[in-house]
Protein backbone atom coordinates (compact mmCIF):
# COMPACT_ATOMS: atom_id res chain seq x y z
CA UNK A 1 42.10 -19.82 -85.31
CA UNK A 2 41.22 -19.38 -81.62
CA UNK A 3 43.18 -22.54 -80.80
CA UNK A 4 46.28 -21.14 -82.54
CA UNK A 5 45.83 -17.86 -80.66
CA UNK A 6 45.35 -19.71 -77.37
CA UNK A 7 48.48 -21.80 -77.98
CA UNK A 8 50.55 -18.71 -78.84
CA UNK A 9 49.36 -16.73 -75.80
CA UNK A 10 49.84 -19.68 -73.45
CA UNK A 11 53.39 -20.20 -74.78
CA UNK A 12 54.21 -16.50 -74.32
CA UNK A 13 52.92 -16.49 -70.72
CA UNK A 14 54.78 -19.70 -69.81
CA UNK A 15 58.01 -18.47 -71.38
CA UNK A 16 57.96 -14.89 -70.10
CA UNK A 17 56.13 -15.01 -66.78
CA UNK A 18 56.66 -18.59 -65.60
CA UNK A 19 60.20 -18.78 -67.04
CA UNK A 20 59.39 -21.94 -68.94
CA UNK A 21 57.97 -23.79 -65.90
CA UNK A 22 55.07 -25.89 -67.14
CA UNK A 23 54.71 -27.88 -63.91
CA UNK A 24 51.81 -25.76 -62.61
CA UNK A 25 48.39 -25.90 -64.27
CA UNK A 26 47.46 -22.78 -66.22
CA UNK A 27 43.69 -22.96 -66.83
CA UNK A 28 42.32 -20.66 -69.54
CA UNK A 29 40.00 -18.92 -67.04
CA UNK A 30 42.60 -18.37 -64.28
CA UNK A 31 43.20 -14.71 -63.39
CA UNK A 32 46.77 -13.81 -64.30
CA UNK A 33 46.64 -10.71 -62.09
CA UNK A 34 44.97 -12.20 -58.99
CA UNK A 35 47.38 -15.14 -59.07
CA UNK A 36 50.40 -12.81 -59.30
CA UNK A 37 51.58 -14.16 -62.64
CA UNK A 38 51.41 -10.76 -64.34
CA UNK A 39 51.93 -7.31 -62.81
CA UNK A 40 51.53 -3.90 -64.44
CA UNK A 41 54.88 -4.20 -66.21
CA UNK A 42 53.89 -7.68 -67.38
CA UNK A 43 50.66 -6.32 -68.82
CA UNK A 44 52.72 -3.87 -70.90
CA UNK A 45 54.93 -6.75 -72.09
CA UNK A 46 51.81 -8.71 -72.98
CA UNK A 47 50.35 -5.75 -74.89
CA UNK A 48 53.60 -5.34 -76.83
CA UNK A 49 53.59 -9.02 -77.70
CA UNK A 50 49.95 -8.93 -78.84
CA UNK A 51 50.63 -5.90 -81.06
CA UNK A 52 53.72 -7.49 -82.63
CA UNK A 53 52.35 -11.03 -82.95
CA UNK A 54 48.83 -10.22 -84.13
CA UNK A 55 49.46 -6.99 -86.04
CA UNK A 56 47.10 -4.47 -84.46
CA UNK A 57 47.28 -1.60 -81.98
CA UNK A 58 45.97 -2.19 -78.47
CA UNK A 59 44.35 1.11 -77.48
CA UNK A 60 45.02 2.49 -73.99
CA UNK A 61 41.31 2.19 -73.11
CA UNK A 62 41.48 -1.53 -74.01
CA UNK A 63 44.23 -2.27 -71.47
CA UNK A 64 41.84 -3.49 -68.78
CA UNK A 65 41.43 -6.78 -66.89
CA UNK A 66 38.27 -7.56 -68.86
CA UNK A 67 40.51 -7.97 -71.93
CA UNK A 68 43.82 -9.16 -70.48
CA UNK A 69 43.32 -10.98 -67.16
CA UNK A 70 43.21 -14.59 -68.38
CA UNK A 71 44.16 -16.62 -71.41
CA UNK A 72 40.46 -16.96 -72.30
CA UNK A 73 39.91 -13.18 -72.07
CA UNK A 74 43.02 -12.42 -74.11
CA UNK A 75 41.94 -14.87 -76.85
CA UNK A 76 38.41 -13.40 -76.90
CA UNK A 77 39.86 -9.86 -77.10
CA UNK A 78 42.22 -10.76 -79.98
CA UNK A 79 39.47 -12.60 -81.87
CA UNK A 80 37.14 -9.60 -81.36
CA UNK A 81 39.75 -7.19 -82.71
CA UNK A 82 40.40 -9.42 -85.72
CA UNK A 83 36.68 -9.59 -86.50
CA UNK A 84 36.45 -5.80 -86.86
């Protein structure tokens, strides 16, 4: 299931923040914030997508880089929420 989640998140980021440009590498561990791929508005878009796509509420206190700053962290966060 993590691979499906990873694929879905990667596709969303490429489509919405890289405008479909797959020419640059996008490692799972790369910081989306530090590399200027996602800004504060982008984080809100990402949260909205996660809520719609995966069917749970992202609490305000969960909107932190530890959960949302890389593909790997986003996947781990989603899998953690699903496990509860």
